Amino acid sequence: MNFFKENEEHILLYSKISYFDKTAYLHLLFLKGELTFKSTDLISVSYEQIYLLKENKNMAIQIDPSSEKEIHNLQLLFKEAVNYESTC
């Protein structure tokens, strides 16, 4: 997570979801690094920012406008994860 700096926009290249032990995990691949976390740590996703809880601290990742298509995909994955965990 050291590649996230304040006031810097990040290009999201790819996002996916995986499941293990009744928990959904989101994997995000950025141009400068990657991040994996429990879906319950994701607070919200907008076209400008991703908000999440990491190590008991709120974190906002600024998103480059060129990532619009992948942000839309991440929003769908987030909904899928919420549905999955509500049935477990």
C-alpha atoms as a PDB file:
ATOM      1  CA  MET A   1       0.000   0.000   0.000  1.00  0.00           C
ATOM      2  CA  ASN A   2       2.981   2.310  -0.023  1.00  0.00           C
ATOM      3  CA  PHE A   3       2.235   3.400  -3.579  1.00  0.00           C
ATOM      4  CA  PHE A   4      -0.890   5.356  -2.464  1.00  0.00           C
ATOM      5  CA  LYS A   5      -0.059   8.988  -1.921  1.00  0.00           C
ATOM      6  CA  GLU A   6      -2.411  11.804  -1.023  1.00  0.00           C
ATOM      7  CA  ASN A   7      -3.649  14.007  -3.855  1.00  0.00           C
ATOM      8  CA  GLU A   8      -2.460  11.540  -6.490  1.00  0.00           C
ATOM      9  CA  GLU A   9      -4.884   9.889  -8.901  1.00  0.00           C
ATOM     10  CA  HIS A  10      -4.485   6.188  -9.532  1.00  0.00           C
ATOM     11  CA  ILE A  11      -5.369   4.253 -12.653  1.00  0.00           C
ATOM     12  CA  LEU A  12      -7.414   1.148 -11.869  1.00  0.00           C
ATOM     13  CA  LEU A  13      -6.614  -1.501 -14.463  1.00  0.00           C
ATOM     14  CA  TYR A  14      -8.510  -4.532 -13.191  1.00  0.00           C
ATOM     15  CA  SER A  15     -10.697  -5.695 -10.328  1.00  0.00           C
ATOM     16  CA  LYS A  16     -11.970  -9.129  -9.387  1.00  0.00           C
ATOM     17  CA  ILE A  17     -13.646 -10.955  -6.543  1.00  0.00           C
ATOM     18  CA  SER A  18     -12.758 -14.234  -4.881  1.00  0.00           C
ATOM     19  CA  TYR A  19     -14.344 -16.212  -2.083  1.00  0.00           C
ATOM     20  CA  PHE A  20     -12.713 -18.056   0.787  1.00  0.00           C
ATOM     21  CA  ASP A  21     -14.200 -19.345   4.035  1.00  0.00           C
ATOM     22  CA  LYS A  22     -17.516 -17.483   3.584  1.00  0.00           C
ATOM     23  CA  THR A  23     -15.717 -14.193   2.968  1.00  0.00           C
ATOM     24  CA  ALA A  24     -15.552 -12.193  -0.247  1.00  0.00           C
ATOM     25  CA  TYR A  25     -12.216 -10.591  -1.125  1.00  0.00           C
ATOM     26  CA  LEU A  26     -11.697  -7.828  -3.657  1.00  0.00           C
ATOM     27  CA  HIS A  27      -8.485  -7.636  -5.651  1.00  0.00           C
ATOM     28  CA  LEU A  28      -7.599  -4.339  -7.308  1.00  0.00           C
ATOM     29  CA  LEU A  29      -4.770  -3.941  -9.784  1.00  0.00           C
ATOM     30  CA  PHE A  30      -3.547  -0.387 -10.291  1.00  0.00           C
ATOM     31  CA  LEU A  31      -0.920   0.892 -12.673  1.00  0.00           C
ATOM     32  CA  LYS A  32       1.504   1.331  -9.748  1.00  0.00           C
ATOM     33  CA  GLY A  33       0.552  -1.580  -7.483  1.00  0.00           C
ATOM     34  CA  GLU A  34      -2.158  -3.859  -6.217  1.00  0.00           C
ATOM     35  CA  LEU A  35      -4.424  -4.165  -3.214  1.00  0.00           C
ATOM     36  CA  THR A  36      -6.451  -7.058  -1.768  1.00  0.00           C
ATOM     37  CA  PHE A  37      -8.931  -6.666   1.076  1.00  0.00           C
ATOM     38  CA  LYS A  38     -12.130  -8.111   2.544  1.00  0.00           C
ATOM     39  CA  SER A  39     -15.204  -6.746   0.856  1.00  0.00           C
ATOM     40  CA  THR A  40     -16.513  -5.679   4.265  1.00  0.00           C
ATOM     41  CA  ASP A  41     -13.621  -3.177   4.402  1.00  0.00           C
ATOM     42  CA  LEU A  42     -14.932  -1.391   1.313  1.00  0.00           C
ATOM     43  CA  ILE A  43     -17.076   1.556   2.344  1.00  0.00           C
ATOM     44  CA  SER A  44     -18.033   3.006  -1.042  1.00  0.00           C
ATOM     45  CA  VAL A  45     -16.998   3.307  -4.667  1.00  0.00           C
ATOM     46  CA  SER A  46     -17.490   6.389  -6.817  1.00  0.00           C
ATOM     47  CA  TYR A  47     -15.980   7.398 -10.135  1.00  0.00           C
ATOM     48  CA  GLU A  48     -13.633   9.765  -8.292  1.00  0.00           C
ATOM     49  CA  GLN A  49     -12.662   7.779  -5.188  1.00  0.00           C
ATOM     50  CA  ILE A  50     -12.631   4.405  -3.507  1.00  0.00           C
ATOM     51  CA  TYR A  51     -13.238   4.588   0.247  1.00  0.00           C
ATOM     52  CA  LEU A  52     -12.158   1.712   2.454  1.00  0.00           C
ATOM     53  CA  LEU A  53     -11.144   0.799   5.955  1.00  0.00           C
ATOM     54  CA  LYS A  54      -7.552  -0.401   6.174  1.00  0.00           C
ATOM     55  CA  GLU A  55      -5.856  -1.203   9.492  1.00  0.00           C
ATOM     56  CA  ASN A  56      -8.732   0.514  11.356  1.00  0.00           C
ATOM     57  CA  LYS A  57      -8.238   3.765   9.427  1.00  0.00           C
ATOM     58  CA  ASN A  58     -10.383   5.325   6.725  1.00  0.00           C
ATOM     59  CA  MET A  59      -8.604   5.523   3.405  1.00  0.00           C
ATOM     60  CA  ALA A  60      -9.582   7.341   0.221  1.00  0.00           C
ATOM     61  CA  ILE A  61      -7.943   6.383  -3.056  1.00  0.00           C
ATOM     62  CA  GLN A  62      -8.240   9.033  -5.764  1.00  0.00           C
ATOM     63  CA  ILE A  63      -9.170   7.501  -9.126  1.00  0.00           C
ATOM     64  CA  ASP A  64      -8.070   8.760 -12.525  1.00  0.00           C
ATOM     65  CA  PRO A  65     -11.030   9.502 -14.852  1.00  0.00           C
ATOM     66  CA  SER A  66      -9.650   7.033 -17.411  1.00  0.00           C
ATOM     67  CA  SER A  67     -10.654   4.209 -15.018  1.00  0.00           C
ATOM     68  CA  GLU A  68     -14.395   4.780 -15.466  1.00  0.00           C
ATOM     69  CA  LYS A  69     -15.112   1.379 -17.062  1.00  0.00           C
ATOM     70  CA  GLU A  70     -13.230  -0.538 -14.380  1.00  0.00           C
ATOM     71  CA  ILE A  71     -14.829   1.493 -11.578  1.00  0.00           C
ATOM     72  CA  HIS A  72     -18.227   0.472 -12.946  1.00  0.00           C
ATOM     73  CA  ASN A  73     -17.078  -3.160 -12.820  1.00  0.00           C
ATOM     74  CA  LEU A  74     -15.884  -2.689  -9.222  1.00  0.00           C
ATOM     75  CA  GLN A  75     -19.277  -1.265  -8.249  1.00  0.00           C
ATOM     76  CA  LEU A  76     -20.925  -4.422  -9.606  1.00  0.00           C
ATOM     77  CA  LEU A  77     -18.439  -6.631  -7.753  1.00  0.00           C
ATOM     78  CA  PHE A  78     -19.111  -4.708  -4.546  1.00  0.00           C
ATOM     79  CA  LYS A  79     -22.852  -5.393  -4.886  1.00  0.00           C
ATOM     80  CA  GLU A  80     -22.111  -9.061  -5.585  1.00  0.00           C
ATOM     81  CA  ALA A  81     -19.939  -9.282  -2.466  1.00  0.00           C
ATOM     82  CA  VAL A  82     -22.602  -7.663  -0.283  1.00  0.00           C
ATOM     83  CA  ASN A  83     -25.207 -10.121  -1.581  1.00  0.00           C
ATOM     84  CA  TYR A  84     -22.865 -13.068  -1.025  1.00  0.00           C
ATOM     85  CA  GLU A  85     -22.006 -12.139   2.544  1.00  0.00           C
ATOM     86  CA  SER A  86     -25.631 -11.429   3.448  1.00  0.00           C
ATOM     87  CA  THR A  87     -26.501 -15.049   2.590  1.00  0.00           C
ATOM     88  CA  CYS A  88     -23.652 -16.641   4.578  1.00  0.00           C
END
